[in-house]
Protein backbone atom coordinates (compact mmCIF):
# COMPACT_ATOMS: atom_id res chain seq x y z
CA UNK A 1 81.97 104.38 128.30
CA UNK A 2 84.97 102.55 126.34
CA UNK A 3 88.90 103.35 127.73
CA UNK A 4 91.45 103.83 125.97
CA UNK A 5 95.50 104.11 127.01
CA UNK A 6 97.37 106.42 125.18
CA UNK A 7 101.59 105.46 125.42
CA UNK A 8 103.63 108.33 123.27
CA UNK A 9 106.59 110.47 124.71
CA UNK A 10 105.37 113.53 122.59
CA UNK A 11 103.12 115.75 125.06
CA UNK A 12 101.28 117.24 121.12
CA UNK A 13 100.21 113.97 119.98
CA UNK A 14 98.51 112.94 122.90
CA UNK A 15 96.73 115.89 123.24
CA UNK A 16 95.65 115.67 119.82
CA UNK A 17 94.62 112.18 120.59
CA UNK A 18 92.89 113.19 123.91
CA UNK A 19 90.86 115.65 122.43
CA UNK A 20 89.78 113.55 119.59
CA UNK A 21 88.71 110.51 121.33
CA UNK A 22 87.31 112.19 124.06
CA UNK A 23 85.00 114.07 121.45
CA UNK A 24 83.89 111.44 120.78
CA UNK A 25 82.66 109.84 124.33
CA UNK A 26 85.73 107.62 125.18
CA UNK A 27 87.56 107.92 127.92
CA UNK A 28 91.39 108.19 127.68
CA UNK A 29 94.18 107.84 129.73
CA UNK A 30 97.77 109.35 128.99
CA UNK A 31 100.80 107.64 129.28
CA UNK A 32 104.03 109.42 128.49
CA UNK A 33 106.37 106.81 127.43
CA UNK A 34 106.47 103.46 127.78
CA UNK A 35 107.64 103.06 131.66
CA UNK A 36 104.31 105.26 132.48
CA UNK A 37 101.96 102.75 130.25
CA UNK A 38 103.44 99.60 131.54
CA UNK A 39 102.16 101.44 135.34
CA UNK A 40 98.96 102.27 133.99
CA UNK A 41 98.23 98.79 132.90
CA UNK A 42 99.21 97.62 135.62
CA UNK A 43 96.45 99.99 138.04
CA UNK A 44 93.59 99.90 135.80
CA UNK A 45 91.85 98.03 132.88
CA UNK A 46 91.48 99.54 129.30
CA UNK A 47 89.30 98.57 125.78
CA UNK A 48 92.42 99.85 123.44
CA UNK A 49 95.77 100.76 123.57
CA UNK A 50 97.63 102.81 121.38
CA UNK A 51 101.39 102.46 121.60
CA UNK A 52 103.75 104.50 119.61
CA UNK A 53 106.22 102.13 118.30
CA UNK A 54 109.61 104.34 118.88
CA UNK A 55 109.95 105.84 122.58
CA UNK A 56 112.82 107.09 124.67
CA UNK A 57 113.91 103.45 127.09
CA UNK A 58 112.38 101.47 124.74
CA UNK A 59 113.82 100.47 121.81
CA UNK A 60 111.56 100.24 118.69
CA UNK A 61 109.54 97.20 118.85
CA UNK A 62 109.96 96.46 122.32
CA UNK A 63 107.51 98.55 123.05
CA UNK A 64 104.39 96.97 121.11
CA UNK A 65 106.39 93.19 122.31
CA UNK A 66 106.40 94.30 126.25
CA UNK A 67 102.36 95.50 125.87
CA UNK A 68 101.26 93.15 123.70
CA UNK A 69 102.43 89.85 126.10
CA UNK A 70 101.50 92.14 129.11
CA UNK A 71 97.84 92.58 128.17
CA UNK A 72 97.69 90.24 125.20
CA UNK A 73 93.39 90.55 125.32
CA UNK A 74 93.52 94.41 124.63
CA UNK A 75 93.50 95.32 121.23
CA UNK A 76 96.61 97.10 120.37
CA UNK A 77 97.03 100.00 117.61
CA UNK A 78 100.74 100.23 116.80
CA UNK A 79 101.65 104.21 115.46
CA UNK A 80 104.65 105.96 114.51
CA UNK A 81 106.08 109.02 112.33
CA UNK A 82 109.26 107.47 112.08
CA UNK A 83 110.53 107.87 107.90
CA UNK A 84 109.60 104.37 106.78
CA UNK A 85 110.99 104.55 102.97
CA UNK A 86 112.83 106.87 100.42
CA UNK A 87 112.01 106.74 96.97
CA UNK A 88 115.92 105.54 96.30
CA UNK A 89 116.41 103.23 98.76
CA UNK A 90 113.93 100.60 100.11
CA UNK A 91 113.02 100.05 104.11
CA UNK A 92 111.48 97.82 105.87
CA UNK A 93 107.64 98.69 106.83
CA UNK A 94 107.94 99.33 110.44
CA UNK A 95 104.28 99.35 110.94
CA UNK A 96 103.78 95.97 109.37
CA UNK A 97 105.95 94.32 111.35
CA UNK A 98 104.09 95.56 114.23
CA UNK A 99 101.52 93.09 113.27
CA UNK A 100 103.60 89.84 114.09
CA UNK A 101 104.10 91.32 117.97
CA UNK A 102 100.99 91.65 118.36
CA UNK A 103 99.66 95.26 117.53
CA UNK A 104 95.72 94.36 116.00
CA UNK A 105 95.90 97.66 113.73
CA UNK A 106 98.32 100.30 112.46
CA UNK A 107 98.92 104.05 112.10
CA UNK A 108 101.09 106.34 110.44
CA UNK A 109 101.35 109.67 112.28
CA UNK A 110 100.32 112.11 111.16
CA UNK A 111 96.73 110.46 110.97
CA UNK A 112 93.14 112.01 110.44
CA UNK A 113 90.94 111.85 112.95
CA UNK A 114 88.52 109.99 111.36
CA UNK A 115 91.51 107.18 111.10
CA UNK A 116 92.30 107.27 114.61
CA UNK A 117 88.66 106.78 114.74
CA UNK A 118 88.14 104.42 112.45
CA UNK A 119 91.32 102.29 114.28
CA UNK A 120 89.76 102.09 117.62
CA UNK A 121 86.00 101.27 116.19
CA UNK A 122 87.85 98.55 114.67
CA UNK A 123 89.49 97.18 117.36
CA UNK A 124 86.27 97.37 119.36
CA UNK A 125 84.44 95.71 117.31
CA UNK A 126 87.35 92.65 117.72
CA UNK A 127 86.52 89.79 120.24
CA UNK A 128 88.61 90.03 123.21
CA UNK A 129 90.44 86.87 124.06
CA UNK A 130 88.42 86.20 127.09
CA UNK A 131 85.43 86.58 124.91
CA UNK A 132 86.16 84.29 122.50
CA UNK A 133 87.45 81.52 125.04
CA UNK A 134 83.45 81.84 126.73
CA UNK A 135 81.57 80.69 123.78
């Protein structure tokens, strides 16, 4: 059973993700914020990480960079509900920028259970760094 780490400071988002993924047969670990997520990485192994971009105590992209550096072999899904752009002024696409910091896939909140499942399955289909090295 694939193990998923969900790192988000919003308990409602965590609960929705947990329920959706458990229904699909995944084992889900919830971490309330960046520090709890890093502790979870130290104590368990995971197949995929879902990490919110903007959380308290971790500024913006810091969370994605730190999680990718700590566990580069684990595919990372960056997610955020931040208002990204308006019609009047262009703003950077923060989710796309996370790809340069190590994210495998990006999800813009709110997302559907099908979009979540597709992102997780895309990550699980990618060979891990250790599998690529052993070929």
